[in-house]
């Protein structure tokens, strides 16, 4: 099986350097979004619990 050098995934990686940086930045953005979303959801939960406990007395 002969493979052309331009089709070899080892010598010619699919992702060029700018594409890899873009994917890494996008991945970091998604993780940051989920962390902010989780913190917001937890803050809302905490507010509801505290509000409920303070108004029930």
PDB file of N, CA and C in Angstrom:
ATOM      1  N   UNK A   1       0.843  -1.171   0.000  1.00  0.00           N
ATOM      2  CA  UNK A   1       0.000   0.000   0.000  1.00  0.00           C
ATOM      3  C   UNK A   1       0.889   1.235   0.000  1.00  0.00           C
ATOM      4  N   UNK A   2       0.828   1.986  -1.064  1.00  0.00           N
ATOM      5  CA  UNK A   2       1.614   3.211  -1.171  1.00  0.00           C
ATOM      6  C   UNK A   2       0.769   4.410  -0.781  1.00  0.00           C
ATOM      7  N   UNK A   3       1.324   5.215   0.093  1.00  0.00           N
ATOM      8  CA  UNK A   3       0.626   6.415   0.520  1.00  0.00           C
ATOM      9  C   UNK A   3       1.438   7.627   0.105  1.00  0.00           C
ATOM     10  N   UNK A   4       0.763   8.585  -0.471  1.00  0.00           N
ATOM     11  CA  UNK A   4       1.443   9.805  -0.876  1.00  0.00           C
ATOM     12  C   UNK A   4       1.831  10.602   0.363  1.00  0.00           C
ATOM     13  N   UNK A   5       2.946  11.305   0.332  1.00  0.00           N
ATOM     14  CA  UNK A   5       3.374  12.078   1.507  1.00  0.00           C
ATOM     15  C   UNK A   5       2.358  13.130   1.949  1.00  0.00           C
ATOM     16  N   UNK A   6       1.623  13.709   1.013  1.00  0.00           N
ATOM     17  CA  UNK A   6       0.642  14.723   1.409  1.00  0.00           C
ATOM     18  C   UNK A   6      -0.598  14.130   2.066  1.00  0.00           C
ATOM     19  N   UNK A   7      -0.783  12.802   1.947  1.00  0.00           N
ATOM     20  CA  UNK A   7      -1.911  12.136   2.581  1.00  0.00           C
ATOM     21  C   UNK A   7      -1.521  11.438   3.884  1.00  0.00           C
ATOM     22  N   UNK A   8      -0.254  11.457   4.214  1.00  0.00           N
ATOM     23  CA  UNK A   8       0.231  10.792   5.419  1.00  0.00           C
ATOM     24  C   UNK A   8      -0.133  11.634   6.652  1.00  0.00           C
ATOM     25  N   UNK A   9      -0.925  11.086   7.573  1.00  0.00           N
ATOM     26  CA  UNK A   9      -1.349  11.880   8.727  1.00  0.00           C
ATOM     27  C   UNK A   9      -0.222  12.183   9.713  1.00  0.00           C
ATOM     28  N   UNK A  10       0.872  11.436   9.644  1.00  0.00           N
ATOM     29  CA  UNK A  10       1.976  11.674  10.576  1.00  0.00           C
ATOM     30  C   UNK A  10       2.830  12.838  10.106  1.00  0.00           C
ATOM     31  N   UNK A  11       3.202  12.838   8.840  1.00  0.00           N
ATOM     32  CA  UNK A  11       4.057  13.911   8.339  1.00  0.00           C
ATOM     33  C   UNK A  11       3.268  15.158   7.974  1.00  0.00           C
ATOM     34  N   UNK A  12       1.976  15.043   7.718  1.00  0.00           N
ATOM     35  CA  UNK A  12       1.140  16.182   7.356  1.00  0.00           C
ATOM     36  C   UNK A  12      -0.099  16.168   8.253  1.00  0.00           C
ATOM     37  N   UNK A  13       0.003  16.721   9.462  1.00  0.00           N
ATOM     38  CA  UNK A  13      -1.147  16.680  10.362  1.00  0.00           C
ATOM     39  C   UNK A  13      -2.335  17.436   9.778  1.00  0.00           C
ATOM     40  N   UNK A  14      -3.514  16.975  10.118  1.00  0.00           N
ATOM     41  CA  UNK A  14      -4.737  17.561   9.571  1.00  0.00           C
ATOM     42  C   UNK A  14      -4.928  19.003  10.040  1.00  0.00           C
ATOM     43  N   UNK A  15      -4.669  19.249  11.308  1.00  0.00           N
ATOM     44  CA  UNK A  15      -4.843  20.588  11.851  1.00  0.00           C
ATOM     45  C   UNK A  15      -3.574  21.404  11.691  1.00  0.00           C
ATOM     46  N   UNK A  16      -3.700  22.514  11.053  1.00  0.00           N
ATOM     47  CA  UNK A  16      -2.569  23.424  10.997  1.00  0.00           C
ATOM     48  C   UNK A  16      -2.493  24.145  12.338  1.00  0.00           C
ATOM     49  N   UNK A  17      -1.451  24.865  12.567  1.00  0.00           N
ATOM     50  CA  UNK A  17      -1.266  25.549  13.853  1.00  0.00           C
ATOM     51  C   UNK A  17      -2.391  26.545  14.153  1.00  0.00           C
ATOM     52  N   UNK A  18      -2.791  27.417  13.211  1.00  0.00           N
ATOM     53  CA  UNK A  18      -3.895  28.342  13.517  1.00  0.00           C
ATOM     54  C   UNK A  18      -5.210  27.628  13.807  1.00  0.00           C
ATOM     55  N   UNK A  19      -5.461  26.523  13.110  1.00  0.00           N
ATOM     56  CA  UNK A  19      -6.696  25.781  13.352  1.00  0.00           C
ATOM     57  C   UNK A  19      -6.677  25.140  14.735  1.00  0.00           C
ATOM     58  N   UNK A  20      -5.537  24.636  15.147  1.00  0.00           N
ATOM     59  CA  UNK A  20      -5.430  24.024  16.472  1.00  0.00           C
ATOM     60  C   UNK A  20      -5.622  25.065  17.561  1.00  0.00           C
ATOM     61  N   UNK A  21      -5.057  26.249  17.363  1.00  0.00           N
ATOM     62  CA  UNK A  21      -5.222  27.320  18.351  1.00  0.00           C
ATOM     63  C   UNK A  21      -6.677  27.743  18.419  1.00  0.00           C
ATOM     64  N   UNK A  22      -7.339  27.813  17.277  1.00  0.00           N
ATOM     65  CA  UNK A  22      -8.754  28.205  17.245  1.00  0.00           C
ATOM     66  C   UNK A  22      -9.617  27.175  17.966  1.00  0.00           C
ATOM     67  N   UNK A  23      -9.339  25.893  17.743  1.00  0.00           N
ATOM     68  CA  UNK A  23     -10.099  24.841  18.417  1.00  0.00           C
ATOM     69  C   UNK A  23      -9.859  24.874  19.928  1.00  0.00           C
ATOM     70  N   UNK A  24      -8.618  25.118  20.325  1.00  0.00           N
ATOM     71  CA  UNK A  24      -8.295  25.187  21.745  1.00  0.00           C
ATOM     72  C   UNK A  24      -9.012  26.362  22.397  1.00  0.00           C
ATOM     73  N   UNK A  25      -9.026  27.503  21.725  1.00  0.00           N
ATOM     74  CA  UNK A  25      -9.702  28.692  22.256  1.00  0.00           C
ATOM     75  C   UNK A  25     -11.211  28.445  22.350  1.00  0.00           C
ATOM     76  N   UNK A  26     -11.790  27.788  21.359  1.00  0.00           N
ATOM     77  CA  UNK A  26     -13.217  27.487  21.377  1.00  0.00           C
ATOM     78  C   UNK A  26     -13.538  26.523  22.510  1.00  0.00           C
ATOM     79  N   UNK A  27     -12.691  25.531  22.721  1.00  0.00           N
ATOM     80  CA  UNK A  27     -12.902  24.592  23.814  1.00  0.00           C
ATOM     81  C   UNK A  27     -12.844  25.269  25.166  1.00  0.00           C
ATOM     82  N   UNK A  28     -11.879  26.198  25.316  1.00  0.00           N
ATOM     83  CA  UNK A  28     -11.780  26.958  26.562  1.00  0.00           C
ATOM     84  C   UNK A  28     -13.016  27.822  26.771  1.00  0.00           C
ATOM     85  N   UNK A  29     -13.545  28.387  25.694  1.00  0.00           N
ATOM     86  CA  UNK A  29     -14.742  29.222  25.782  1.00  0.00           C
ATOM     87  C   UNK A  29     -15.957  28.424  26.223  1.00  0.00           C
ATOM     88  N   UNK A  30     -16.086  27.216  25.707  1.00  0.00           N
ATOM     89  CA  UNK A  30     -17.217  26.367  26.089  1.00  0.00           C
ATOM     90  C   UNK A  30     -17.118  25.980  27.556  1.00  0.00           C
ATOM     91  N   UNK A  31     -15.926  25.616  28.003  1.00  0.00           N
ATOM     92  CA  UNK A  31     -15.734  25.254  29.410  1.00  0.00           C
ATOM     93  C   UNK A  31     -16.029  26.444  30.307  1.00  0.00           C
ATOM     94  N   UNK A  32     -15.561  27.623  29.927  1.00  0.00           N
ATOM     95  CA  UNK A  32     -15.819  28.831  30.709  1.00  0.00           C
ATOM     96  C   UNK A  32     -17.317  29.119  30.771  1.00  0.00           C
ATOM     97  N   UNK A  33     -18.007  28.959  29.655  1.00  0.00           N
ATOM     98  CA  UNK A  33     -19.455  29.173  29.624  1.00  0.00           C
ATOM     99  C   UNK A  33     -20.167  28.232  30.590  1.00  0.00           C
ATOM    100  N   UNK A  34     -19.812  26.960  30.582  1.00  0.00           N
ATOM    101  CA  UNK A  34     -20.464  26.003  31.473  1.00  0.00           C
ATOM    102  C   UNK A  34     -20.154  26.289  32.941  1.00  0.00           C
ATOM    103  N   UNK A  35     -18.938  26.740  33.230  1.00  0.00           N
ATOM    104  CA  UNK A  35     -18.595  27.085  34.613  1.00  0.00           C
ATOM    105  C   UNK A  35     -19.426  28.277  35.073  1.00  0.00           C
ATOM    106  N   UNK A  36     -19.549  29.296  34.233  1.00  0.00           N
ATOM    107  CA  UNK A  36     -20.355  30.471  34.585  1.00  0.00           C
ATOM    108  C   UNK A  36     -21.821  30.070  34.740  1.00  0.00           C
ATOM    109  N   UNK A  37     -22.310  29.227  33.857  1.00  0.00           N
ATOM    110  CA  UNK A  37     -23.691  28.758  33.943  1.00  0.00           C
ATOM    111  C   UNK A  37     -23.926  27.982  35.236  1.00  0.00           C
ATOM    112  N   UNK A  38     -22.995  27.111  35.602  1.00  0.00           N
ATOM    113  CA  UNK A  38     -23.132  26.327  36.836  1.00  0.00           C
ATOM    114  C   UNK A  38     -23.091  27.235  38.060  1.00  0.00           C
ATOM    115  N   UNK A  39     -22.216  28.232  38.055  1.00  0.00           N
ATOM    116  CA  UNK A  39     -22.165  29.168  39.178  1.00  0.00           C
ATOM    117  C   UNK A  39     -23.447  29.980  39.287  1.00  0.00           C
ATOM    118  N   UNK A  40     -24.005  30.372  38.172  1.00  0.00           N
ATOM    119  CA  UNK A  40     -25.277  31.096  38.175  1.00  0.00           C
ATOM    120  C   UNK A  40     -26.412  30.236  38.694  1.00  0.00           C
ATOM    121  N   UNK A  41     -26.454  28.989  38.264  1.00  0.00           N
ATOM    122  CA  UNK A  41     -27.499  28.081  38.726  1.00  0.00           C
ATOM    123  C   UNK A  41     -27.362  27.821  40.230  1.00  0.00           C
ATOM    124  N   UNK A  42     -26.133  27.651  40.698  1.00  0.00           N
ATOM    125  CA  UNK A  42     -25.915  27.427  42.125  1.00  0.00           C
ATOM    126  C   UNK A  42     -26.287  28.663  42.931  1.00  0.00           C
ATOM    127  N   UNK A  43     -25.965  29.847  42.406  1.00  0.00           N
ATOM    128  CA  UNK A  43     -26.326  31.090  43.099  1.00  0.00           C
ATOM    129  C   UNK A  43     -27.840  31.240  43.192  1.00  0.00           C
ATOM    130  N   UNK A  44     -28.546  30.916  42.122  1.00  0.00           N
ATOM    131  CA  UNK A  44     -30.007  30.971  42.144  1.00  0.00           C
ATOM    132  C   UNK A  44     -30.572  29.986  43.157  1.00  0.00           C
ATOM    133  N   UNK A  45     -30.039  28.784  43.189  1.00  0.00           N
ATOM    134  CA  UNK A  45     -30.466  27.773  44.158  1.00  0.00           C
ATOM    135  C   UNK A  45     -30.227  28.264  45.583  1.00  0.00           C
ATOM    136  N   UNK A  46     -29.059  28.822  45.830  1.00  0.00           N
ATOM    137  CA  UNK A  46     -28.731  29.333  47.156  1.00  0.00           C
ATOM    138  C   UNK A  46     -29.663  30.468  47.553  1.00  0.00           C
ATOM    139  N   UNK A  47     -29.955  31.362  46.621  1.00  0.00           N
ATOM    140  CA  UNK A  47     -30.867  32.465  46.892  1.00  0.00           C
ATOM    141  C   UNK A  47     -32.254  31.947  47.244  1.00  0.00           C
ATOM    142  N   UNK A  48     -32.748  30.965  46.503  1.00  0.00           N
ATOM    143  CA  UNK A  48     -34.079  30.419  46.774  1.00  0.00           C
ATOM    144  C   UNK A  48     -34.114  29.754  48.143  1.00  0.00           C
ATOM    145  N   UNK A  49     -33.086  29.000  48.489  1.00  0.00           N
ATOM    146  CA  UNK A  49     -33.042  28.335  49.796  1.00  0.00           C
ATOM    147  C   UNK A  49     -32.999  29.361  50.923  1.00  0.00           C
ATOM    148  N   UNK A  50     -32.119  30.345  50.792  1.00  0.00           N
ATOM    149  CA  UNK A  50     -32.024  31.367  51.845  1.00  0.00           C
ATOM    150  C   UNK A  50     -33.296  32.189  51.945  1.00  0.00           C
ATOM    151  N   UNK A  51     -33.875  32.578  50.836  1.00  0.00           N
ATOM    152  CA  UNK A  51     -35.105  33.360  50.841  1.00  0.00           C
ATOM    153  C   UNK A  51     -36.242  32.553  51.459  1.00  0.00           C
ATOM    154  N   UNK A  52     -36.326  31.296  51.092  1.00  0.00           N
ATOM    155  CA  UNK A  52     -37.370  30.437  51.648  1.00  0.00           C
ATOM    156  C   UNK A  52     -37.213  30.235  53.141  1.00  0.00           C
ATOM    157  N   UNK A  53     -35.984  30.077  53.591  1.00  0.00           N
ATOM    158  CA  UNK A  53     -35.787  29.854  55.028  1.00  0.00           C
ATOM    159  C   UNK A  53     -36.010  31.137  55.829  1.00  0.00           C
ATOM    160  N   UNK A  54     -35.722  32.295  55.261  1.00  0.00           N
ATOM    161  CA  UNK A  54     -35.909  33.553  55.976  1.00  0.00           C
ATOM    162  C   UNK A  54     -37.371  33.985  55.997  1.00  0.00           C
ATOM    163  N   UNK A  55     -38.123  33.694  54.962  1.00  0.00           N
ATOM    164  CA  UNK A  55     -39.515  34.132  54.914  1.00  0.00           C
ATOM    165  C   UNK A  55     -40.463  33.147  55.579  1.00  0.00           C
ATOM    166  N   UNK A  56     -40.035  31.948  55.860  1.00  0.00           N
ATOM    167  CA  UNK A  56     -40.934  30.959  56.466  1.00  0.00           C
ATOM    168  C   UNK A  56     -41.064  31.163  57.973  1.00  0.00           C
ATOM    169  N   UNK A  57     -40.167  31.919  58.575  1.00  0.00           N
ATOM    170  CA  UNK A  57     -40.232  32.119  60.030  1.00  0.00           C
ATOM    171  C   UNK A  57     -41.150  33.226  60.390  1.00  0.00           C
TER     172      UNK A  57
END
